[in-house]
Amino acid sequence: MAEKRRRGQELEKDIFITARKIINEDGFRALTFERVAQQAATSKPVIYRRWKTPFELALAALQDQIRRENNGKVDEVTLSGSDLREDLFQVMKRFLVSVDVIGKSLIREILTKPDMYTDSLPGIIGENCDIDIHAIDRVLQRAANRGEPVKQNLSRTLKLLPFDWLRYRVFVRENTDQAALELLIDEIILPIYLEHE
């Protein structure tokens, strides 16, 4: 009996599982389209049609894992805080889960060797920044709806500040524990995001 031909989400899932297995066992640099095609029992053209580089495939596979294990992306967190501070903690903790899945070593490699990823990086960064902005917009809207004195017309730069701060800590190998998150939120973000009399 002939093996059923996989398509769409089923094939994509198998490709992502294979890519993550290769990354986990042999590292990011071991990921090639040829190896993924062979281990996922598909063809290289199938993979080439969807992803331009192994780097793009790696990030897509890791983002898929984040969505599956955490019920969506950072901007899809179910917010349940009673104030802006609590909602910010939820989003930042969720963001750190994403960083852990993607892998601190991969993030550092991207940041230290951006020329290797020139074709893919701008689009990926832009897409992730849009997700981060949407997450912060949701948090700020909830705070405004509760009557908290949220500043209006915050710039994109200020909305991305907490995420950029956390990415920087990964880059310089700083641990981000509860105390670091409290510093970020209480001493940096809340004074920026809230009006003060």
C-alpha atoms as a PDB file:
ATOM      1  CA  MET A   1       0.000   0.000   0.000  1.00  0.00           C
ATOM      2  CA  ALA A   2       1.372   3.402  -0.995  1.00  0.00           C
ATOM      3  CA  GLU A   3       2.264   5.863   1.723  1.00  0.00           C
ATOM      4  CA  LYS A   4      -0.252   8.711   2.033  1.00  0.00           C
ATOM      5  CA  ARG A   5       1.093  11.947   0.629  1.00  0.00           C
ATOM      6  CA  ARG A   6       1.241  14.641   3.298  1.00  0.00           C
ATOM      7  CA  ARG A   7       0.222  18.181   2.515  1.00  0.00           C
ATOM      8  CA  GLY A   8      -0.450  21.495   4.198  1.00  0.00           C
ATOM      9  CA  GLN A   9      -0.389  21.591   7.968  1.00  0.00           C
ATOM     10  CA  GLU A  10       0.440  17.918   8.379  1.00  0.00           C
ATOM     11  CA  LEU A  11       3.571  18.213   6.225  1.00  0.00           C
ATOM     12  CA  GLU A  12       4.521  21.545   7.820  1.00  0.00           C
ATOM     13  CA  LYS A  13       4.212  19.996  11.295  1.00  0.00           C
ATOM     14  CA  ASP A  14       6.542  17.122  10.290  1.00  0.00           C
ATOM     15  CA  ILE A  15       9.056  19.573   8.819  1.00  0.00           C
ATOM     16  CA  PHE A  16       9.011  21.688  11.988  1.00  0.00           C
ATOM     17  CA  ILE A  17       9.437  18.638  14.234  1.00  0.00           C
ATOM     18  CA  THR A  18      12.393  17.487  12.129  1.00  0.00           C
ATOM     19  CA  ALA A  19      13.993  20.942  12.126  1.00  0.00           C
ATOM     20  CA  ARG A  20      13.708  21.236  15.918  1.00  0.00           C
ATOM     21  CA  LYS A  21      15.154  17.747  16.366  1.00  0.00           C
ATOM     22  CA  ILE A  22      18.191  18.638  14.257  1.00  0.00           C
ATOM     23  CA  ILE A  23      18.694  21.934  16.117  1.00  0.00           C
ATOM     24  CA  ASN A  24      18.362  20.259  19.524  1.00  0.00           C
ATOM     25  CA  GLU A  25      20.680  17.367  18.695  1.00  0.00           C
ATOM     26  CA  ASP A  26      23.336  18.977  16.516  1.00  0.00           C
ATOM     27  CA  GLY A  27      22.926  22.729  16.754  1.00  0.00           C
ATOM     28  CA  PHE A  28      21.614  25.471  14.533  1.00  0.00           C
ATOM     29  CA  ARG A  29      24.441  25.245  11.988  1.00  0.00           C
ATOM     30  CA  ALA A  30      23.613  21.583  11.278  1.00  0.00           C
ATOM     31  CA  LEU A  31      20.210  22.539   9.892  1.00  0.00           C
ATOM     32  CA  THR A  32      20.145  22.235   6.094  1.00  0.00           C
ATOM     33  CA  PHE A  33      17.258  21.882   3.683  1.00  0.00           C
ATOM     34  CA  GLU A  34      18.738  18.632   2.392  1.00  0.00           C
ATOM     35  CA  ARG A  35      18.903  17.116   5.870  1.00  0.00           C
ATOM     36  CA  VAL A  36      15.392  18.261   6.787  1.00  0.00           C
ATOM     37  CA  ALA A  37      13.972  16.914   3.517  1.00  0.00           C
ATOM     38  CA  GLN A  38      15.637  13.549   4.021  1.00  0.00           C
ATOM     39  CA  GLN A  39      14.594  13.135   7.662  1.00  0.00           C
ATOM     40  CA  ALA A  40      11.057  14.476   7.114  1.00  0.00           C
ATOM     41  CA  ALA A  41      10.622  12.230   4.057  1.00  0.00           C
ATOM     42  CA  THR A  42       9.858  15.069   1.670  1.00  0.00           C
ATOM     43  CA  SER A  43      11.718  16.853  -1.134  1.00  0.00           C
ATOM     44  CA  LYS A  44      13.987  19.889  -1.054  1.00  0.00           C
ATOM     45  CA  PRO A  45      11.784  21.805  -3.551  1.00  0.00           C
ATOM     46  CA  VAL A  46       8.871  21.537  -1.099  1.00  0.00           C
ATOM     47  CA  ILE A  47      10.995  23.227   1.556  1.00  0.00           C
ATOM     48  CA  TYR A  48      12.525  25.790  -0.848  1.00  0.00           C
ATOM     49  CA  ARG A  49       9.061  26.917  -1.918  1.00  0.00           C
ATOM     50  CA  ARG A  50       8.188  27.880   1.650  1.00  0.00           C
ATOM     51  CA  TRP A  51      11.424  29.136   3.239  1.00  0.00           C
ATOM     52  CA  LYS A  52      14.293  31.052   1.641  1.00  0.00           C
ATOM     53  CA  THR A  53      16.985  29.932   4.090  1.00  0.00           C
ATOM     54  CA  PRO A  54      17.530  27.342   6.837  1.00  0.00           C
ATOM     55  CA  PHE A  55      17.581  30.306   9.238  1.00  0.00           C
ATOM     56  CA  GLU A  56      13.997  31.207   8.292  1.00  0.00           C
ATOM     57  CA  LEU A  57      12.945  27.586   8.671  1.00  0.00           C
ATOM     58  CA  ALA A  58      14.644  27.376  12.093  1.00  0.00           C
ATOM     59  CA  LEU A  59      12.810  30.434  13.397  1.00  0.00           C
ATOM     60  CA  ALA A  60       9.490  29.273  11.956  1.00  0.00           C
ATOM     61  CA  ALA A  61       9.915  25.862  13.610  1.00  0.00           C
ATOM     62  CA  LEU A  62      10.799  27.415  16.967  1.00  0.00           C
ATOM     63  CA  GLN A  63       7.941  29.920  16.759  1.00  0.00           C
ATOM     64  CA  ASP A  64       5.605  27.028  16.010  1.00  0.00           C
ATOM     65  CA  GLN A  65       6.798  25.339  19.206  1.00  0.00           C
ATOM     66  CA  ILE A  66       6.191  28.550  21.177  1.00  0.00           C
ATOM     67  CA  ARG A  67       2.637  28.848  19.836  1.00  0.00           C
ATOM     68  CA  ARG A  68       1.857  25.183  20.524  1.00  0.00           C
ATOM     69  CA  GLU A  69       3.296  25.074  24.041  1.00  0.00           C
ATOM     70  CA  ASN A  70       2.000  28.461  25.149  1.00  0.00           C
ATOM     71  CA  ASN A  71      -1.342  28.793  23.380  1.00  0.00           C
ATOM     72  CA  GLY A  72      -0.247  31.424  20.929  1.00  0.00           C
ATOM     73  CA  LYS A  73       2.211  34.249  20.469  1.00  0.00           C
ATOM     74  CA  VAL A  74       3.175  36.961  22.962  1.00  0.00           C
ATOM     75  CA  ASP A  75       0.332  39.167  21.756  1.00  0.00           C
ATOM     76  CA  GLU A  76      -2.180  36.354  22.303  1.00  0.00           C
ATOM     77  CA  VAL A  77      -1.580  35.959  26.040  1.00  0.00           C
ATOM     78  CA  THR A  78      -4.814  35.799  28.016  1.00  0.00           C
ATOM     79  CA  LEU A  79      -4.408  38.854  30.218  1.00  0.00           C
ATOM     80  CA  SER A  80      -5.865  38.520  33.702  1.00  0.00           C
ATOM     81  CA  GLY A  81      -4.093  41.194  35.728  1.00  0.00           C
ATOM     82  CA  SER A  82      -5.994  43.676  37.841  1.00  0.00           C
ATOM     83  CA  ASP A  83      -3.768  46.583  36.776  1.00  0.00           C
ATOM     84  CA  LEU A  84      -1.176  47.625  34.195  1.00  0.00           C
ATOM     85  CA  ARG A  85       1.685  46.293  36.320  1.00  0.00           C
ATOM     86  CA  GLU A  86       0.248  42.766  36.534  1.00  0.00           C
ATOM     87  CA  ASP A  87      -0.553  42.640  32.813  1.00  0.00           C
ATOM     88  CA  LEU A  88       2.983  43.792  31.980  1.00  0.00           C
ATOM     89  CA  PHE A  89       4.409  41.012  34.153  1.00  0.00           C
ATOM     90  CA  GLN A  90       2.296  38.447  32.297  1.00  0.00           C
ATOM     91  CA  VAL A  91       3.475  39.651  28.880  1.00  0.00           C
ATOM     92  CA  MET A  92       7.137  39.947  29.875  1.00  0.00           C
ATOM     93  CA  LYS A  93       7.184  36.481  31.461  1.00  0.00           C
ATOM     94  CA  ARG A  94       5.570  35.075  28.334  1.00  0.00           C
ATOM     95  CA  PHE A  95       8.168  36.865  26.208  1.00  0.00           C
ATOM     96  CA  LEU A  96      10.960  35.264  28.257  1.00  0.00           C
ATOM     97  CA  VAL A  97       9.429  31.836  27.570  1.00  0.00           C
ATOM     98  CA  SER A  98       9.736  32.641  23.860  1.00  0.00           C
ATOM     99  CA  VAL A  99      13.370  33.639  24.300  1.00  0.00           C
ATOM    100  CA  ASP A 100      14.107  30.369  26.091  1.00  0.00           C
ATOM    101  CA  VAL A 101      12.487  28.289  23.335  1.00  0.00           C
ATOM    102  CA  ILE A 102      14.201  30.144  20.516  1.00  0.00           C
ATOM    103  CA  GLY A 103      17.429  29.682  22.373  1.00  0.00           C
ATOM    104  CA  LYS A 104      19.698  32.243  23.876  1.00  0.00           C
ATOM    105  CA  SER A 105      22.634  30.977  21.815  1.00  0.00           C
ATOM    106  CA  LEU A 106      20.675  31.437  18.571  1.00  0.00           C
ATOM    107  CA  ILE A 107      19.679  34.968  19.553  1.00  0.00           C
ATOM    108  CA  ARG A 108      23.289  35.834  20.391  1.00  0.00           C
ATOM    109  CA  GLU A 109      24.458  34.360  17.079  1.00  0.00           C
ATOM    110  CA  ILE A 110      21.952  36.479  15.187  1.00  0.00           C
ATOM    111  CA  LEU A 111      23.003  39.602  17.071  1.00  0.00           C
ATOM    112  CA  THR A 112      26.739  38.988  16.732  1.00  0.00           C
ATOM    113  CA  LYS A 113      26.697  37.899  13.061  1.00  0.00           C
ATOM    114  CA  PRO A 114      23.861  39.887  11.468  1.00  0.00           C
ATOM    115  CA  ASP A 115      25.579  39.911   8.053  1.00  0.00           C
ATOM    116  CA  MET A 116      24.972  36.171   7.722  1.00  0.00           C
ATOM    117  CA  TYR A 117      21.222  36.772   7.957  1.00  0.00           C
ATOM    118  CA  THR A 118      20.912  39.984   5.948  1.00  0.00           C
ATOM    119  CA  ASP A 119      18.212  38.632   3.640  1.00  0.00           C
ATOM    120  CA  SER A 120      15.952  37.221   6.340  1.00  0.00           C
ATOM    121  CA  LEU A 121      16.575  39.318   9.426  1.00  0.00           C
ATOM    122  CA  PRO A 122      14.762  42.600   8.602  1.00  0.00           C
ATOM    123  CA  GLY A 123      11.475  40.838   7.838  1.00  0.00           C
ATOM    124  CA  ILE A 124      11.693  38.599  10.887  1.00  0.00           C
ATOM    125  CA  ILE A 125      12.584  41.494  13.201  1.00  0.00           C
ATOM    126  CA  GLY A 126       9.772  43.591  11.762  1.00  0.00           C
ATOM    127  CA  GLU A 127       7.244  40.802  12.202  1.00  0.00           C
ATOM    128  CA  ASN A 128       8.301  40.176  15.800  1.00  0.00           C
ATOM    129  CA  CYS A 129       8.282  43.892  16.610  1.00  0.00           C
ATOM    130  CA  ASP A 130       4.728  44.108  15.272  1.00  0.00           C
ATOM    131  CA  ILE A 131       3.735  41.239  17.588  1.00  0.00           C
ATOM    132  CA  ASP A 132       5.415  42.989  20.539  1.00  0.00           C
ATOM    133  CA  ILE A 133       3.682  46.300  19.740  1.00  0.00           C
ATOM    134  CA  HIS A 134       0.321  44.551  19.518  1.00  0.00           C
ATOM    135  CA  ALA A 135       0.943  42.904  22.906  1.00  0.00           C
ATOM    136  CA  ILE A 136       1.728  46.268  24.531  1.00  0.00           C
ATOM    137  CA  ASP A 137      -1.225  47.956  22.824  1.00  0.00           C
ATOM    138  CA  ARG A 138      -3.545  45.319  24.324  1.00  0.00           C
ATOM    139  CA  VAL A 139      -2.036  45.845  27.781  1.00  0.00           C
ATOM    140  CA  LEU A 140      -2.311  49.639  27.521  1.00  0.00           C
ATOM    141  CA  GLN A 141      -5.894  49.484  26.242  1.00  0.00           C
ATOM    142  CA  ARG A 142      -6.924  47.265  29.149  1.00  0.00           C
ATOM    143  CA  ALA A 143      -5.305  49.719  31.570  1.00  0.00           C
ATOM    144  CA  ALA A 144      -7.067  52.688  29.936  1.00  0.00           C
ATOM    145  CA  ASN A 145     -10.391  50.823  30.068  1.00  0.00           C
ATOM    146  CA  ARG A 146      -9.869  50.344  33.828  1.00  0.00           C
ATOM    147  CA  GLY A 147      -9.308  54.081  34.196  1.00  0.00           C
ATOM    148  CA  GLU A 148      -5.559  53.958  34.773  1.00  0.00           C
ATOM    149  CA  PRO A 149      -3.767  57.176  33.682  1.00  0.00           C
ATOM    150  CA  VAL A 150      -2.023  55.728  30.610  1.00  0.00           C
ATOM    151  CA  LYS A 151      -0.111  58.243  28.500  1.00  0.00           C
ATOM    152  CA  GLN A 152      -1.565  58.738  25.050  1.00  0.00           C
ATOM    153  CA  ASN A 153       0.380  58.458  21.793  1.00  0.00           C
ATOM    154  CA  LEU A 154       3.365  56.545  23.138  1.00  0.00           C
ATOM    155  CA  SER A 155       5.967  56.107  20.406  1.00  0.00           C
ATOM    156  CA  ARG A 156       6.775  52.771  18.828  1.00  0.00           C
ATOM    157  CA  THR A 157      10.231  52.997  20.426  1.00  0.00           C
ATOM    158  CA  LEU A 158       8.762  53.312  23.920  1.00  0.00           C
ATOM    159  CA  LYS A 159       6.349  50.452  23.310  1.00  0.00           C
ATOM    160  CA  LEU A 160       9.237  48.220  22.225  1.00  0.00           C
ATOM    161  CA  LEU A 161      11.462  49.315  25.117  1.00  0.00           C
ATOM    162  CA  PRO A 162      10.672  46.429  27.508  1.00  0.00           C
ATOM    163  CA  PHE A 163      11.261  43.815  24.795  1.00  0.00           C
ATOM    164  CA  ASP A 164      14.467  45.492  23.607  1.00  0.00           C
ATOM    165  CA  TRP A 165      15.716  45.700  27.211  1.00  0.00           C
ATOM    166  CA  LEU A 166      15.122  41.970  27.697  1.00  0.00           C
ATOM    167  CA  ARG A 167      16.782  41.110  24.364  1.00  0.00           C
ATOM    168  CA  TYR A 168      19.812  43.151  25.384  1.00  0.00           C
ATOM    169  CA  ARG A 169      20.082  41.205  28.636  1.00  0.00           C
ATOM    170  CA  VAL A 170      20.113  37.956  26.648  1.00  0.00           C
ATOM    171  CA  PHE A 171      22.836  39.359  24.402  1.00  0.00           C
ATOM    172  CA  VAL A 172      25.107  40.309  27.331  1.00  0.00           C
ATOM    173  CA  ARG A 173      24.247  37.087  29.216  1.00  0.00           C
ATOM    174  CA  GLU A 174      22.480  38.798  32.104  1.00  0.00           C
ATOM    175  CA  ASN A 175      20.066  36.618  34.048  1.00  0.00           C
ATOM    176  CA  THR A 176      16.513  37.928  34.061  1.00  0.00           C
ATOM    177  CA  ASP A 177      14.907  36.843  37.314  1.00  0.00           C
ATOM    178  CA  GLN A 178      11.922  38.242  39.199  1.00  0.00           C
ATOM    179  CA  ALA A 179      14.029  41.084  40.623  1.00  0.00           C
ATOM    180  CA  ALA A 180      15.158  42.113  37.128  1.00  0.00           C
ATOM    181  CA  LEU A 181      11.553  42.084  35.869  1.00  0.00           C
ATOM    182  CA  GLU A 182      10.475  44.204  38.846  1.00  0.00           C
ATOM    183  CA  LEU A 183      13.241  46.699  38.053  1.00  0.00           C
ATOM    184  CA  LEU A 184      12.163  46.831  34.406  1.00  0.00           C
ATOM    185  CA  ILE A 185       8.472  47.262  35.107  1.00  0.00           C
ATOM    186  CA  ASP A 186       8.442  49.325  38.318  1.00  0.00           C
ATOM    187  CA  GLU A 187      11.378  51.634  37.719  1.00  0.00           C
ATOM    188  CA  ILE A 188      11.502  51.949  33.932  1.00  0.00           C
ATOM    189  CA  ILE A 189       8.235  51.072  32.198  1.00  0.00           C
ATOM    190  CA  LEU A 190       5.500  52.252  34.582  1.00  0.00           C
ATOM    191  CA  PRO A 191       7.028  55.746  34.996  1.00  0.00           C
ATOM    192  CA  ILE A 192       7.114  56.024  31.190  1.00  0.00           C
ATOM    193  CA  TYR A 193       3.664  54.591  30.449  1.00  0.00           C
ATOM    194  CA  LEU A 194       1.652  56.313  33.196  1.00  0.00           C
ATOM    195  CA  GLU A 195       0.845  59.997  33.707  1.00  0.00           C
ATOM    196  CA  HIS A 196       2.008  61.336  37.047  1.00  0.00           C
ATOM    197  CA  GLU A 197       0.493  64.263  38.887  1.00  0.00           C
END
